[in-house]
Amino acid sequence: MIGRTREGKLRADEMQGGTFTVSNLGIVEQVERFTAILNPPQVGILAIGAATERPLVINHGLHIRTTAYVTLSADHRIIDGLIAARFLEAMDRRLHEFATTSY
């Protein structure tokens, strides 16, 4: 199946159903971080914890910022771990860009 995926030759019945889930337990203030369990046949699940003010070092100075922990679980039979890590990197970059954009 991985070979057919890479070649773009998956059948329609092999592409049905969910492929990725976002699990947000951050609505519960006490849940700062958690690891979500992947639901096959999905490829990944992103777990988002509560947004909390935390001290951060930025440009050698101490600042208070609202941050949230995210954890990505991925099925390594389908996706390489480096690609999953790059997804987190891109998501972080876009969230920072969004936060600094004024509307």
Protein backbone atom coordinates (compact mmCIF):
# COMPACT_ATOMS: atom_id res chain seq x y z
CA MET A 1 0.00 0.00 0.00
CA ILE A 2 2.85 2.40 0.76
CA GLY A 3 4.31 1.76 -2.68
CA ARG A 4 0.97 2.44 -4.37
CA THR A 5 0.59 5.62 -2.31
CA ARG A 6 3.98 6.93 -3.37
CA GLU A 7 3.19 6.11 -6.99
CA GLY A 8 -0.22 7.81 -6.76
CA LYS A 9 -2.04 4.56 -7.52
CA LEU A 10 -4.28 4.09 -4.47
CA ARG A 11 -7.80 2.83 -5.15
CA ALA A 12 -10.77 4.99 -4.09
CA ASP A 13 -11.77 2.52 -1.36
CA GLU A 14 -8.27 2.82 0.14
CA MET A 15 -8.59 6.61 0.51
CA GLN A 16 -11.90 6.79 2.37
CA GLY A 17 -12.36 7.80 5.99
CA GLY A 18 -10.35 10.18 8.14
CA THR A 19 -6.60 10.50 7.82
CA PHE A 20 -5.77 13.00 10.59
CA THR A 21 -7.34 14.05 13.89
CA VAL A 22 -6.90 17.10 16.10
CA SER A 23 -7.58 16.32 19.76
CA ASN A 24 -7.96 19.44 21.90
CA LEU A 25 -8.08 18.75 25.62
CA GLY A 26 -6.81 22.28 26.15
CA ILE A 27 -10.35 23.29 27.03
CA VAL A 28 -9.69 21.56 30.36
CA GLU A 29 -7.38 23.97 32.16
CA GLN A 30 -5.57 21.24 34.11
CA VAL A 31 -4.56 19.28 30.99
CA GLU A 32 -1.28 20.92 30.00
CA ARG A 33 -0.08 18.04 27.83
CA PHE A 34 -1.14 14.57 26.80
CA THR A 35 -0.43 11.94 24.19
CA ALA A 36 -3.37 11.04 21.97
CA ILE A 37 -3.79 7.49 20.70
CA LEU A 38 -3.77 7.05 16.95
CA ASN A 39 -6.95 5.58 15.47
CA PRO A 40 -6.07 3.33 12.52
CA PRO A 41 -6.31 3.74 9.58
CA GLN A 42 -5.52 7.39 10.32
CA VAL A 43 -1.99 8.66 9.68
CA GLY A 44 -1.69 11.07 12.59
CA ILE A 45 -3.26 12.77 15.57
CA LEU A 46 -2.30 16.14 17.03
CA ALA A 47 -2.85 16.54 20.77
CA ILE A 48 -3.21 20.14 22.00
CA GLY A 49 -2.98 21.01 25.69
CA ALA A 50 -4.18 24.05 27.62
CA ALA A 51 -2.82 27.46 26.68
CA THR A 52 -1.02 28.76 29.77
CA GLU A 53 1.17 31.75 30.58
CA ARG A 54 4.78 30.62 30.99
CA PRO A 55 8.14 32.35 31.38
CA LEU A 56 10.24 32.27 28.18
CA VAL A 57 13.69 33.53 27.36
CA ILE A 58 13.50 35.69 24.22
CA ASN A 59 16.60 37.56 22.99
CA HIS A 60 18.33 37.05 26.36
CA GLY A 61 15.38 38.54 28.26
CA LEU A 62 12.74 36.90 30.40
CA HIS A 63 9.18 37.31 29.10
CA ILE A 64 5.77 35.90 29.95
CA ARG A 65 3.97 34.38 26.95
CA THR A 66 0.92 32.22 26.46
CA THR A 67 2.02 28.86 25.10
CA ALA A 68 0.51 25.42 24.61
CA TYR A 69 2.13 22.01 24.36
CA VAL A 70 1.34 19.98 21.25
CA THR A 71 2.18 16.33 20.68
CA LEU A 72 2.03 14.59 17.32
CA SER A 73 1.53 10.85 17.05
CA ALA A 74 2.10 9.40 13.58
CA ASP A 75 1.88 5.95 12.03
CA HIS A 76 5.46 5.31 10.92
CA ARG A 77 4.30 2.57 8.56
CA ILE A 78 2.76 5.35 6.46
CA ILE A 79 4.74 8.52 7.17
CA ASP A 80 8.37 9.10 8.01
CA GLY A 81 9.02 10.66 11.42
CA LEU A 82 11.04 13.48 9.86
CA ILE A 83 8.06 14.52 7.75
CA ALA A 84 5.91 14.54 10.89
CA ALA A 85 8.50 16.70 12.67
CA ARG A 86 8.58 19.10 9.72
CA PHE A 87 4.78 19.37 9.98
CA LEU A 88 5.16 20.54 13.60
CA GLU A 89 7.90 22.95 12.56
CA ALA A 90 5.70 24.45 9.81
CA MET A 91 2.70 24.68 12.13
CA ASP A 92 4.79 26.50 14.75
CA ARG A 93 6.14 28.92 12.16
CA ARG A 94 2.66 29.71 10.83
CA LEU A 95 1.25 30.23 14.32
CA HIS A 96 4.05 32.69 15.07
CA GLU A 97 3.40 34.50 11.79
CA PHE A 98 -0.32 34.67 12.62
CA ALA A 99 0.40 36.00 16.11
CA THR A 100 2.57 38.83 14.77
CA THR A 101 0.19 39.88 11.99
CA SER A 102 -2.05 42.81 12.84
CA TYR A 103 -5.47 43.00 11.29
